[in-house]
Amino acid sequence: MANIYKNAGFSLSTTNLTTIYTVPTDRTAIVKSIQINNDDASAIQTEIFVTDTSASTTHKIYHKDLAGDTTDNGVLAPLVLESTDILKIQVGTANKIEGIVSYLEIFDEKSP
């Protein structure tokens, strides 16, 4: 099966921890970028987490007070996610942070 280049946009209407992407079963994903835009004049605390479902653990991979009216990348290098891993984001102010995740999904040849 072919590799698929995709993107997933997000606009956070809550300060709750929010899932922005889940790797489909039988896939591996390589996240190229997580563009985060703060559309407010004030800095907003922004955190990104990865839940490694095979190990039942969640890791914080980004923590920043994102300055007002700026855009940042939530990953500094490609991020490899395995089947069913979950990418999540949490912010300090609702309705001000939006962005897009750019990734490559790879079909897992080992899966039945």
PDB file of N, CA and C in Angstrom:
ATOM      1  N   MET A   1       0.844  -1.171   0.000  1.00  0.00           N
ATOM      2  CA  MET A   1       0.000   0.000   0.000  1.00  0.00           C
ATOM      3  C   MET A   1       0.896   1.243   0.000  1.00  0.00           C
ATOM      4  N   ALA A   2       0.424   2.310  -0.533  1.00  0.00           N
ATOM      5  CA  ALA A   2       1.221   3.536  -0.686  1.00  0.00           C
ATOM      6  C   ALA A   2       1.326   4.329   0.611  1.00  0.00           C
ATOM      7  N   ASN A   3       2.398   5.107   0.693  1.00  0.00           N
ATOM      8  CA  ASN A   3       2.532   6.076   1.775  1.00  0.00           C
ATOM      9  C   ASN A   3       1.600   7.239   1.464  1.00  0.00           C
ATOM     10  N   ILE A   4       1.077   7.874   2.513  1.00  0.00           N
ATOM     11  CA  ILE A   4       0.102   8.945   2.322  1.00  0.00           C
ATOM     12  C   ILE A   4       0.566  10.186   3.071  1.00  0.00           C
ATOM     13  N   TYR A   5       0.783  11.284   2.350  1.00  0.00           N
ATOM     14  CA  TYR A   5       1.095  12.569   2.976  1.00  0.00           C
ATOM     15  C   TYR A   5      -0.217  13.261   3.319  1.00  0.00           C
ATOM     16  N   LYS A   6      -0.329  13.722   4.565  1.00  0.00           N
ATOM     17  CA  LYS A   6      -1.584  14.316   5.021  1.00  0.00           C
ATOM     18  C   LYS A   6      -1.308  15.515   5.923  1.00  0.00           C
ATOM     19  N   ASN A   7      -2.389  16.219   6.245  1.00  0.00           N
ATOM     20  CA  ASN A   7      -2.340  17.246   7.282  1.00  0.00           C
ATOM     21  C   ASN A   7      -3.668  17.233   8.015  1.00  0.00           C
ATOM     22  N   ALA A   8      -3.631  17.721   9.241  1.00  0.00           N
ATOM     23  CA  ALA A   8      -4.837  17.791  10.064  1.00  0.00           C
ATOM     24  C   ALA A   8      -4.827  19.133  10.792  1.00  0.00           C
ATOM     25  N   GLY A   9      -5.819  19.941  10.525  1.00  0.00           N
ATOM     26  CA  GLY A   9      -5.934  21.231  11.181  1.00  0.00           C
ATOM     27  C   GLY A   9      -6.613  21.112  12.532  1.00  0.00           C
ATOM     28  N   PHE A  10      -6.329  22.068  13.401  1.00  0.00           N
ATOM     29  CA  PHE A  10      -6.989  22.109  14.703  1.00  0.00           C
ATOM     30  C   PHE A  10      -7.227  23.551  15.107  1.00  0.00           C
ATOM     31  N   SER A  11      -8.313  23.763  15.825  1.00  0.00           N
ATOM     32  CA  SER A  11      -8.662  25.056  16.401  1.00  0.00           C
ATOM     33  C   SER A  11      -9.214  24.753  17.784  1.00  0.00           C
ATOM     34  N   LEU A  12      -8.510  25.198  18.815  1.00  0.00           N
ATOM     35  CA  LEU A  12      -8.830  24.761  20.175  1.00  0.00           C
ATOM     36  C   LEU A  12      -9.869  25.665  20.831  1.00  0.00           C
ATOM     37  N   SER A  13     -11.042  25.097  21.065  1.00  0.00           N
ATOM     38  CA  SER A  13     -12.139  25.840  21.675  1.00  0.00           C
ATOM     39  C   SER A  13     -12.252  25.572  23.174  1.00  0.00           C
ATOM     40  N   THR A  14     -11.257  24.894  23.733  1.00  0.00           N
ATOM     41  CA  THR A  14     -11.264  24.527  25.145  1.00  0.00           C
ATOM     42  C   THR A  14      -9.836  24.570  25.687  1.00  0.00           C
ATOM     43  N   THR A  15      -9.720  24.619  27.000  1.00  0.00           N
ATOM     44  CA  THR A  15      -8.405  24.518  27.634  1.00  0.00           C
ATOM     45  C   THR A  15      -8.117  23.080  28.077  1.00  0.00           C
ATOM     46  N   ASN A  16      -9.052  22.173  27.816  1.00  0.00           N
ATOM     47  CA  ASN A  16      -8.861  20.765  28.156  1.00  0.00           C
ATOM     48  C   ASN A  16      -7.820  20.135  27.235  1.00  0.00           C
ATOM     49  N   LEU A  17      -7.186  19.072  27.697  1.00  0.00           N
ATOM     50  CA  LEU A  17      -6.286  18.294  26.868  1.00  0.00           C
ATOM     51  C   LEU A  17      -7.090  17.743  25.694  1.00  0.00           C
ATOM     52  N   THR A  18      -6.646  18.044  24.467  1.00  0.00           N
ATOM     53  CA  THR A  18      -7.427  17.749  23.265  1.00  0.00           C
ATOM     54  C   THR A  18      -6.622  16.907  22.282  1.00  0.00           C
ATOM     55  N   THR A  19      -7.207  15.824  21.818  1.00  0.00           N
ATOM     56  CA  THR A  19      -6.572  14.989  20.794  1.00  0.00           C
ATOM     57  C   THR A  19      -6.627  15.708  19.458  1.00  0.00           C
ATOM     58  N   ILE A  20      -5.453  15.821  18.806  1.00  0.00           N
ATOM     59  CA  ILE A  20      -5.430  16.450  17.482  1.00  0.00           C
ATOM     60  C   ILE A  20      -5.092  15.451  16.372  1.00  0.00           C
ATOM     61  N   TYR A  21      -4.562  14.275  16.740  1.00  0.00           N
ATOM     62  CA  TYR A  21      -4.297  13.235  15.741  1.00  0.00           C
ATOM     63  C   TYR A  21      -4.063  11.910  16.448  1.00  0.00           C
ATOM     64  N   THR A  22      -4.663  10.852  15.901  1.00  0.00           N
ATOM     65  CA  THR A  22      -4.427   9.485  16.359  1.00  0.00           C
ATOM     66  C   THR A  22      -3.961   8.672  15.166  1.00  0.00           C
ATOM     67  N   VAL A  23      -2.865   7.971  15.317  1.00  0.00           N
ATOM     68  CA  VAL A  23      -2.341   7.148  14.227  1.00  0.00           C
ATOM     69  C   VAL A  23      -3.292   5.974  14.004  1.00  0.00           C
ATOM     70  N   PRO A  24      -3.738   5.768  12.765  1.00  0.00           N
ATOM     71  CA  PRO A  24      -4.632   4.640  12.499  1.00  0.00           C
ATOM     72  C   PRO A  24      -3.951   3.293  12.772  1.00  0.00           C
ATOM     73  N   THR A  25      -4.752   2.290  13.038  1.00  0.00           N
ATOM     74  CA  THR A  25      -4.255   0.930  13.200  1.00  0.00           C
ATOM     75  C   THR A  25      -3.528   0.515  11.928  1.00  0.00           C
ATOM     76  N   ASP A  26      -2.473  -0.245  12.080  1.00  0.00           N
ATOM     77  CA  ASP A  26      -1.666  -0.753  10.963  1.00  0.00           C
ATOM     78  C   ASP A  26      -0.929   0.350  10.206  1.00  0.00           C
ATOM     79  N   ARG A  27      -0.637   1.462  10.887  1.00  0.00           N
ATOM     80  CA  ARG A  27       0.117   2.549  10.267  1.00  0.00           C
ATOM     81  C   ARG A  27       1.205   3.020  11.234  1.00  0.00           C
ATOM     82  N   THR A  28       2.232   3.628  10.669  1.00  0.00           N
ATOM     83  CA  THR A  28       3.224   4.389  11.407  1.00  0.00           C
ATOM     84  C   THR A  28       3.152   5.792  10.835  1.00  0.00           C
ATOM     85  N   ALA A  29       3.312   6.800  11.662  1.00  0.00           N
ATOM     86  CA  ALA A  29       3.262   8.182  11.174  1.00  0.00           C
ATOM     87  C   ALA A  29       4.562   8.891  11.509  1.00  0.00           C
ATOM     88  N   ILE A  30       5.023   9.681  10.567  1.00  0.00           N
ATOM     89  CA  ILE A  30       6.161  10.554  10.794  1.00  0.00           C
ATOM     90  C   ILE A  30       5.633  11.977  10.730  1.00  0.00           C
ATOM     91  N   VAL A  31       5.641  12.649  11.875  1.00  0.00           N
ATOM     92  CA  VAL A  31       5.146  14.026  11.951  1.00  0.00           C
ATOM     93  C   VAL A  31       6.285  14.952  11.545  1.00  0.00           C
ATOM     94  N   LYS A  32       6.057  15.721  10.500  1.00  0.00           N
ATOM     95  CA  LYS A  32       7.069  16.648   9.992  1.00  0.00           C
ATOM     96  C   LYS A  32       7.024  17.965  10.743  1.00  0.00           C
ATOM     97  N   SER A  33       5.810  18.460  11.002  1.00  0.00           N
ATOM     98  CA  SER A  33       5.678  19.733  11.713  1.00  0.00           C
ATOM     99  C   SER A  33       4.328  19.811  12.411  1.00  0.00           C
ATOM    100  N   ILE A  34       4.314  20.622  13.461  1.00  0.00           N
ATOM    101  CA  ILE A  34       3.072  20.979  14.153  1.00  0.00           C
ATOM    102  C   ILE A  34       3.092  22.500  14.243  1.00  0.00           C
ATOM    103  N   GLN A  35       2.521  23.156  13.262  1.00  0.00           N
ATOM    104  CA  GLN A  35       2.489  24.611  13.241  1.00  0.00           C
ATOM    105  C   GLN A  35       1.405  25.091  14.210  1.00  0.00           C
ATOM    106  N   ILE A  36       1.804  25.942  15.154  1.00  0.00           N
ATOM    107  CA  ILE A  36       0.892  26.445  16.181  1.00  0.00           C
ATOM    108  C   ILE A  36       0.848  27.960  16.053  1.00  0.00           C
ATOM    109  N   ASN A  37      -0.346  28.504  15.927  1.00  0.00           N
ATOM    110  CA  ASN A  37      -0.516  29.947  15.785  1.00  0.00           C
ATOM    111  C   ASN A  37      -1.297  30.505  16.969  1.00  0.00           C
ATOM    112  N   ASN A  38      -0.722  31.530  17.611  1.00  0.00           N
ATOM    113  CA  ASN A  38      -1.409  32.246  18.686  1.00  0.00           C
ATOM    114  C   ASN A  38      -2.005  33.502  18.076  1.00  0.00           C
ATOM    115  N   ASP A  39      -3.316  33.550  18.004  1.00  0.00           N
ATOM    116  CA  ASP A  39      -4.033  34.652  17.358  1.00  0.00           C
ATOM    117  C   ASP A  39      -4.430  35.737  18.360  1.00  0.00           C
ATOM    118  N   ASP A  40      -3.824  35.726  19.542  1.00  0.00           N
ATOM    119  CA  ASP A  40      -4.152  36.694  20.587  1.00  0.00           C
ATOM    120  C   ASP A  40      -2.953  37.629  20.786  1.00  0.00           C
ATOM    121  N   ALA A  41      -3.186  38.771  21.406  1.00  0.00           N
ATOM    122  CA  ALA A  41      -2.098  39.722  21.673  1.00  0.00           C
ATOM    123  C   ALA A  41      -1.232  39.293  22.860  1.00  0.00           C
ATOM    124  N   SER A  42      -1.763  38.424  23.709  1.00  0.00           N
ATOM    125  CA  SER A  42      -1.035  37.976  24.902  1.00  0.00           C
ATOM    126  C   SER A  42      -0.420  36.601  24.695  1.00  0.00           C
ATOM    127  N   ALA A  43       0.627  36.315  25.468  1.00  0.00           N
ATOM    128  CA  ALA A  43       1.239  34.986  25.435  1.00  0.00           C
ATOM    129  C   ALA A  43       0.263  33.958  26.009  1.00  0.00           C
ATOM    130  N   ILE A  44       0.292  32.754  25.442  1.00  0.00           N
ATOM    131  CA  ILE A  44      -0.589  31.677  25.894  1.00  0.00           C
ATOM    132  C   ILE A  44       0.246  30.415  26.105  1.00  0.00           C
ATOM    133  N   GLN A  45       0.112  29.833  27.299  1.00  0.00           N
ATOM    134  CA  GLN A  45       0.826  28.595  27.588  1.00  0.00           C
ATOM    135  C   GLN A  45       0.289  27.490  26.685  1.00  0.00           C
ATOM    136  N   THR A  46       1.213  26.785  26.036  1.00  0.00           N
ATOM    137  CA  THR A  46       0.858  25.732  25.085  1.00  0.00           C
ATOM    138  C   THR A  46       1.720  24.508  25.361  1.00  0.00           C
ATOM    139  N   GLU A  47       1.078  23.343  25.446  1.00  0.00           N
ATOM    140  CA  GLU A  47       1.791  22.099  25.692  1.00  0.00           C
ATOM    141  C   GLU A  47       1.313  21.031  24.709  1.00  0.00           C
ATOM    142  N   ILE A  48       2.268  20.238  24.229  1.00  0.00           N
ATOM    143  CA  ILE A  48       1.949  19.132  23.329  1.00  0.00           C
ATOM    144  C   ILE A  48       2.413  17.843  23.999  1.00  0.00           C
ATOM    145  N   PHE A  49       1.584  16.814  23.880  1.00  0.00           N
ATOM    146  CA  PHE A  49       1.859  15.518  24.494  1.00  0.00           C
ATOM    147  C   PHE A  49       1.719  14.412  23.458  1.00  0.00           C
ATOM    148  N   VAL A  50       2.453  13.316  23.672  1.00  0.00           N
ATOM    149  CA  VAL A  50       2.303  12.103  22.878  1.00  0.00           C
ATOM    150  C   VAL A  50       1.962  10.971  23.836  1.00  0.00           C
ATOM    151  N   THR A  51       0.855  10.283  23.557  1.00  0.00           N
ATOM    152  CA  THR A  51       0.518   9.085  24.312  1.00  0.00           C
ATOM    153  C   THR A  51       1.015   7.882  23.522  1.00  0.00           C
ATOM    154  N   ASP A  52       1.960   7.166  24.124  1.00  0.00           N
ATOM    155  CA  ASP A  52       2.493   5.936  23.550  1.00  0.00           C
ATOM    156  C   ASP A  52       1.593   4.820  24.046  1.00  0.00           C
ATOM    157  N   THR A  53       0.654   4.399  23.213  1.00  0.00           N
ATOM    158  CA  THR A  53      -0.350   3.441  23.664  1.00  0.00           C
ATOM    159  C   THR A  53       0.236   2.054  23.931  1.00  0.00           C
ATOM    160  N   SER A  54       1.343   1.702  23.263  1.00  0.00           N
ATOM    161  CA  SER A  54       1.937   0.390  23.510  1.00  0.00           C
ATOM    162  C   SER A  54       2.587   0.314  24.892  1.00  0.00           C
ATOM    163  N   ALA A  55       2.999   1.458  25.430  1.00  0.00           N
ATOM    164  CA  ALA A  55       3.616   1.500  26.757  1.00  0.00           C
ATOM    165  C   ALA A  55       2.689   2.113  27.810  1.00  0.00           C
ATOM    166  N   SER A  56       1.502   2.545  27.391  1.00  0.00           N
ATOM    167  CA  SER A  56       0.525   3.178  28.296  1.00  0.00           C
ATOM    168  C   SER A  56       1.130   4.351  29.057  1.00  0.00           C
ATOM    169  N   THR A  57       1.901   5.188  28.340  1.00  0.00           N
ATOM    170  CA  THR A  57       2.500   6.369  28.955  1.00  0.00           C
ATOM    171  C   THR A  57       2.263   7.592  28.073  1.00  0.00           C
ATOM    172  N   THR A  58       2.263   8.751  28.714  1.00  0.00           N
ATOM    173  CA  THR A  58       2.126  10.017  27.994  1.00  0.00           C
ATOM    174  C   THR A  58       3.340  10.871  28.297  1.00  0.00           C
ATOM    175  N   HIS A  59       3.920  11.457  27.245  1.00  0.00           N
ATOM    176  CA  HIS A  59       5.130  12.272  27.364  1.00  0.00           C
ATOM    177  C   HIS A  59       4.847  13.687  26.876  1.00  0.00           C
ATOM    178  N   LYS A  60       5.312  14.674  27.639  1.00  0.00           N
ATOM    179  CA  LYS A  60       5.217  16.058  27.200  1.00  0.00           C
ATOM    180  C   LYS A  60       6.399  16.324  26.264  1.00  0.00           C
ATOM    181  N   ILE A  61       6.106  16.799  25.035  1.00  0.00           N
ATOM    182  CA  ILE A  61       7.178  17.044  24.074  1.00  0.00           C
ATOM    183  C   ILE A  61       7.357  18.526  23.758  1.00  0.00           C
ATOM    184  N   TYR A  62       6.455  19.375  24.269  1.00  0.00           N
ATOM    185  CA  TYR A  62       6.545  20.810  23.984  1.00  0.00           C
ATOM    186  C   TYR A  62       5.874  21.562  25.123  1.00  0.00           C
ATOM    187  N   HIS A  63       6.528  22.603  25.597  1.00  0.00           N
ATOM    188  CA  HIS A  63       5.954  23.464  26.634  1.00  0.00           C
ATOM    189  C   HIS A  63       6.494  24.863  26.394  1.00  0.00           C
ATOM    190  N   LYS A  64       5.603  25.797  26.145  1.00  0.00           N
ATOM    191  CA  LYS A  64       6.046  27.151  25.847  1.00  0.00           C
ATOM    192  C   LYS A  64       4.922  28.142  26.112  1.00  0.00           C
ATOM    193  N   ASP A  65       5.307  29.318  26.601  1.00  0.00           N
ATOM    194  CA  ASP A  65       4.381  30.443  26.614  1.00  0.00           C
ATOM    195  C   ASP A  65       4.515  31.080  25.241  1.00  0.00           C
ATOM    196  N   LEU A  66       3.619  30.710  24.340  1.00  0.00           N
ATOM    197  CA  LEU A  66       3.682  31.163  22.959  1.00  0.00           C
ATOM    198  C   LEU A  66       3.300  32.640  22.886  1.00  0.00           C
ATOM    199  N   ALA A  67       4.252  33.470  22.459  1.00  0.00           N
ATOM    200  CA  ALA A  67       4.048  34.923  22.412  1.00  0.00           C
ATOM    201  C   ALA A  67       2.847  35.275  21.539  1.00  0.00           C
ATOM    202  N   GLY A  68       2.252  36.424  21.844  1.00  0.00           N
ATOM    203  CA  GLY A  68       1.095  36.895  21.094  1.00  0.00           C
ATOM    204  C   GLY A  68       1.408  37.125  19.628  1.00  0.00           C
ATOM    205  N   ASP A  69       0.428  36.831  18.781  1.00  0.00           N
ATOM    206  CA  ASP A  69       0.520  37.038  17.336  1.00  0.00           C
ATOM    207  C   ASP A  69       1.749  36.393  16.720  1.00  0.00           C
ATOM    208  N   THR A  70       2.050  35.145  17.139  1.00  0.00           N
ATOM    209  CA  THR A  70       3.197  34.428  16.583  1.00  0.00           C
ATOM    210  C   THR A  70       2.805  33.009  16.187  1.00  0.00           C
ATOM    211  N   THR A  71       3.692  32.408  15.412  1.00  0.00           N
ATOM    212  CA  THR A  71       3.550  31.011  15.011  1.00  0.00           C
ATOM    213  C   THR A  71       4.838  30.291  15.382  1.00  0.00           C
ATOM    214  N   ASP A  72       4.717  29.050  15.859  1.00  0.00           N
ATOM    215  CA  ASP A  72       5.871  28.256  16.239  1.00  0.00           C
ATOM    216  C   ASP A  72       5.657  26.830  15.746  1.00  0.00           C
ATOM    217  N   ASN A  73       6.753  26.078  15.667  1.00  0.00           N
ATOM    218  CA  ASN A  73       6.678  24.673  15.309  1.00  0.00           C
ATOM    219  C   ASN A  73       6.818  23.849  16.581  1.00  0.00           C
ATOM    220  N   GLY A  74       5.880  22.958  16.823  1.00  0.00           N
ATOM    221  CA  GLY A  74       5.873  22.148  18.036  1.00  0.00           C
ATOM    222  C   GLY A  74       6.844  20.991  18.050  1.00  0.00           C
ATOM    223  N   VAL A  75       7.506  20.710  16.922  1.00  0.00           N
ATOM    224  CA  VAL A  75       8.544  19.683  16.871  1.00  0.00           C
ATOM    225  C   VAL A  75       9.766  20.259  16.168  1.00  0.00           C
ATOM    226  N   LEU A  76      10.949  19.944  16.682  1.00  0.00           N
ATOM    227  CA  LEU A  76      12.188  20.443  16.091  1.00  0.00           C
ATOM    228  C   LEU A  76      12.769  19.482  15.068  1.00  0.00           C
ATOM    229  N   ALA A  77      12.344  18.231  15.110  1.00  0.00           N
ATOM    230  CA  ALA A  77      12.808  17.195  14.183  1.00  0.00           C
ATOM    231  C   ALA A  77      11.627  16.265  13.934  1.00  0.00           C
ATOM    232  N   PRO A  78      11.711  15.420  12.912  1.00  0.00           N
ATOM    233  CA  PRO A  78      10.610  14.485  12.666  1.00  0.00           C
ATOM    234  C   PRO A  78      10.294  13.649  13.913  1.00  0.00           C
ATOM    235  N   LEU A  79       9.020  13.428  14.131  1.00  0.00           N
ATOM    236  CA  LEU A  79       8.531  12.678  15.285  1.00  0.00           C
ATOM    237  C   LEU A  79       7.867  11.410  14.770  1.00  0.00           C
ATOM    238  N   VAL A  80       8.347  10.250  15.206  1.00  0.00           N
ATOM    239  CA  VAL A  80       7.802   8.975  14.763  1.00  0.00           C
ATOM    240  C   VAL A  80       6.755   8.511  15.766  1.00  0.00           C
ATOM    241  N   LEU A  81       5.564   8.219  15.248  1.00  0.00           N
ATOM    242  CA  LEU A  81       4.469   7.709  16.076  1.00  0.00           C
ATOM    243  C   LEU A  81       4.061   6.342  15.551  1.00  0.00           C
ATOM    244  N   GLU A  82       3.816   5.421  16.465  1.00  0.00           N
ATOM    245  CA  GLU A  82       3.408   4.074  16.101  1.00  0.00           C
ATOM    246  C   GLU A  82       1.891   3.958  16.051  1.00  0.00           C
ATOM    247  N   SER A  83       1.440   2.837  15.538  1.00  0.00           N
ATOM    248  CA  SER A  83       0.017   2.550  15.421  1.00  0.00           C
ATOM    249  C   SER A  83      -0.720   2.853  16.722  1.00  0.00           C
ATOM    250  N   THR A  84      -1.783   3.606  16.648  1.00  0.00           N
ATOM    251  CA  THR A  84      -2.699   4.028  17.722  1.00  0.00           C
ATOM    252  C   THR A  84      -2.100   5.035  18.712  1.00  0.00           C
ATOM    253  N   ASP A  85      -0.860   5.498  18.500  1.00  0.00           N
ATOM    254  CA  ASP A  85      -0.329   6.575  19.347  1.00  0.00           C
ATOM    255  C   ASP A  85      -1.166   7.831  19.132  1.00  0.00           C
ATOM    256  N   ILE A  86      -1.203   8.702  20.141  1.00  0.00           N
ATOM    257  CA  ILE A  86      -2.094   9.862  20.119  1.00  0.00           C
ATOM    258  C   ILE A  86      -1.298  11.142  20.359  1.00  0.00           C
ATOM    259  N   LEU A  87      -1.542  12.136  19.518  1.00  0.00           N
ATOM    260  CA  LEU A  87      -0.944  13.465  19.641  1.00  0.00           C
ATOM    261  C   LEU A  87      -2.000  14.377  20.255  1.00  0.00           C
ATOM    262  N   LYS A  88      -1.640  15.056  21.367  1.00  0.00           N
ATOM    263  CA  LYS A  88      -2.598  15.888  22.102  1.00  0.00           C
ATOM    264  C   LYS A  88      -2.003  17.265  22.358  1.00  0.00           C
ATOM    265  N   ILE A  89      -2.863  18.242  22.559  1.00  0.00           N
ATOM    266  CA  ILE A  89      -2.418  19.603  22.860  1.00  0.00           C
ATOM    267  C   ILE A  89      -3.316  20.188  23.951  1.00  0.00           C
ATOM    268  N   GLN A  90      -2.707  21.040  24.781  1.00  0.00           N
ATOM    269  CA  GLN A  90      -3.461  21.735  25.822  1.00  0.00           C
ATOM    270  C   GLN A  90      -2.964  23.169  25.887  1.00  0.00           C
ATOM    271  N   VAL A  91      -3.899  24.099  26.008  1.00  0.00           N
ATOM    272  CA  VAL A  91      -3.555  25.519  26.026  1.00  0.00           C
ATOM    273  C   VAL A  91      -4.191  26.206  27.221  1.00  0.00           C
ATOM    274  N   GLY A  92      -3.627  27.359  27.587  1.00  0.00           N
ATOM    275  CA  GLY A  92      -4.108  28.103  28.741  1.00  0.00           C
ATOM    276  C   GLY A  92      -5.312  28.990  28.465  1.00  0.00           C
ATOM    277  N   THR A  93      -5.600  29.277  27.187  1.00  0.00           N
ATOM    278  CA  THR A  93      -6.729  30.132  26.813  1.00  0.00           C
ATOM    279  C   THR A  93      -7.450  29.519  25.627  1.00  0.00           C
ATOM    280  N   ALA A  94      -8.758  29.383  25.719  1.00  0.00           N
ATOM    281  CA  ALA A  94      -9.544  28.799  24.638  1.00  0.00           C
ATOM    282  C   ALA A  94      -9.754  29.806  23.502  1.00  0.00           C
ATOM    283  N   ASN A  95     -10.015  29.281  22.320  1.00  0.00           N
ATOM    284  CA  ASN A  95     -10.401  30.049  21.129  1.00  0.00           C
ATOM    285  C   ASN A  95      -9.332  31.010  20.619  1.00  0.00           C
ATOM    286  N   LYS A  96      -8.061  30.743  20.909  1.00  0.00           N
ATOM    287  CA  LYS A  96      -6.974  31.624  20.453  1.00  0.00           C
ATOM    288  C   LYS A  96      -5.869  30.876  19.722  1.00  0.00           C
ATOM    289  N   ILE A  97      -5.788  29.570  19.916  1.00  0.00           N
ATOM    290  CA  ILE A  97      -4.715  28.759  19.328  1.00  0.00           C
ATOM    291  C   ILE A  97      -5.298  27.857  18.243  1.00  0.00           C
ATOM    292  N   GLU A  98      -4.634  27.897  17.081  1.00  0.00           N
ATOM    293  CA  GLU A  98      -5.006  26.997  16.000  1.00  0.00           C
ATOM    294  C   GLU A  98      -3.736  26.583  15.272  1.00  0.00           C
ATOM    295  N   GLY A  99      -3.849  25.601  14.406  1.00  0.00           N
ATOM    296  CA  GLY A  99      -2.667  25.174  13.679  1.00  0.00           C
ATOM    297  C   GLY A  99      -2.934  23.997  12.786  1.00  0.00           C
ATOM    298  N   ILE A 100      -1.821  23.369  12.370  1.00  0.00           N
ATOM    299  CA  ILE A 100      -1.919  22.238  11.452  1.00  0.00           C
ATOM    300  C   ILE A 100      -0.761  21.271  11.716  1.00  0.00           C
ATOM    301  N   VAL A 101      -1.079  19.999  11.669  1.00  0.00           N
ATOM    302  CA  VAL A 101      -0.096  18.928  11.804  1.00  0.00           C
ATOM    303  C   VAL A 101       0.149  18.366  10.408  1.00  0.00           C
ATOM    304  N   SER A 102       1.408  18.322   9.980  1.00  0.00           N
ATOM    305  CA  SER A 102       1.765  17.731   8.686  1.00  0.00           C
ATOM    306  C   SER A 102       2.500  16.425   8.954  1.00  0.00           C
ATOM    307  N   TYR A 103       2.052  15.348   8.298  1.00  0.00           N
ATOM    308  CA  TYR A 103       2.606  14.041   8.606  1.00  0.00           C
ATOM    309  C   TYR A 103       2.545  13.101   7.405  1.00  0.00           C
ATOM    310  N   LEU A 104       3.320  12.032   7.513  1.00  0.00           N
ATOM    311  CA  LEU A 104       3.345  10.964   6.529  1.00  0.00           C
ATOM    312  C   LEU A 104       2.858   9.705   7.215  1.00  0.00           C
ATOM    313  N   GLU A 105       1.818   9.073   6.659  1.00  0.00           N
ATOM    314  CA  GLU A 105       1.356   7.788   7.176  1.00  0.00           C
ATOM    315  C   GLU A 105       1.945   6.692   6.307  1.00  0.00           C
ATOM    316  N   ILE A 106       2.524   5.689   6.973  1.00  0.00           N
ATOM    317  CA  ILE A 106       3.166   4.574   6.290  1.00  0.00           C
ATOM    318  C   ILE A 106       2.406   3.303   6.651  1.00  0.00           C
ATOM    319  N   PHE A 107       2.013   2.553   5.638  1.00  0.00           N
ATOM    320  CA  PHE A 107       1.324   1.286   5.878  1.00  0.00           C
ATOM    321  C   PHE A 107       2.284   0.316   6.528  1.00  0.00           C
ATOM    322  N   ASP A 108       1.862  -0.335   7.593  1.00  0.00           N
ATOM    323  CA  ASP A 108       2.686  -1.300   8.315  1.00  0.00           C
ATOM    324  C   ASP A 108       2.641  -2.629   7.593  1.00  0.00           C
ATOM    325  N   GLU A 109       3.705  -2.950   6.881  1.00  0.00           N
ATOM    326  CA  GLU A 109       3.768  -4.183   6.075  1.00  0.00           C
ATOM    327  C   GLU A 109       3.673  -5.444   6.929  1.00  0.00           C
ATOM    328  N   LYS A 110       4.002  -5.347   8.211  1.00  0.00           N
ATOM    329  CA  LYS A 110       4.008  -6.520   9.088  1.00  0.00           C
ATOM    330  C   LYS A 110       2.624  -6.883   9.586  1.00  0.00           C
ATOM    331  N   SER A 111       1.687  -5.978   9.428  1.00  0.00           N
ATOM    332  CA  SER A 111       0.323  -6.216   9.929  1.00  0.00           C
ATOM    333  C   SER A 111      -0.410  -7.189   9.010  1.00  0.00           C
ATOM    334  N   PRO A 112      -1.321  -7.954   9.573  1.00  0.00           N
ATOM    335  CA  PRO A 112      -2.068  -8.929   8.756  1.00  0.00           C
ATOM    336  C   PRO A 112      -2.974  -8.245   7.755  1.00  0.00           C
TER     337      PRO A 112
END
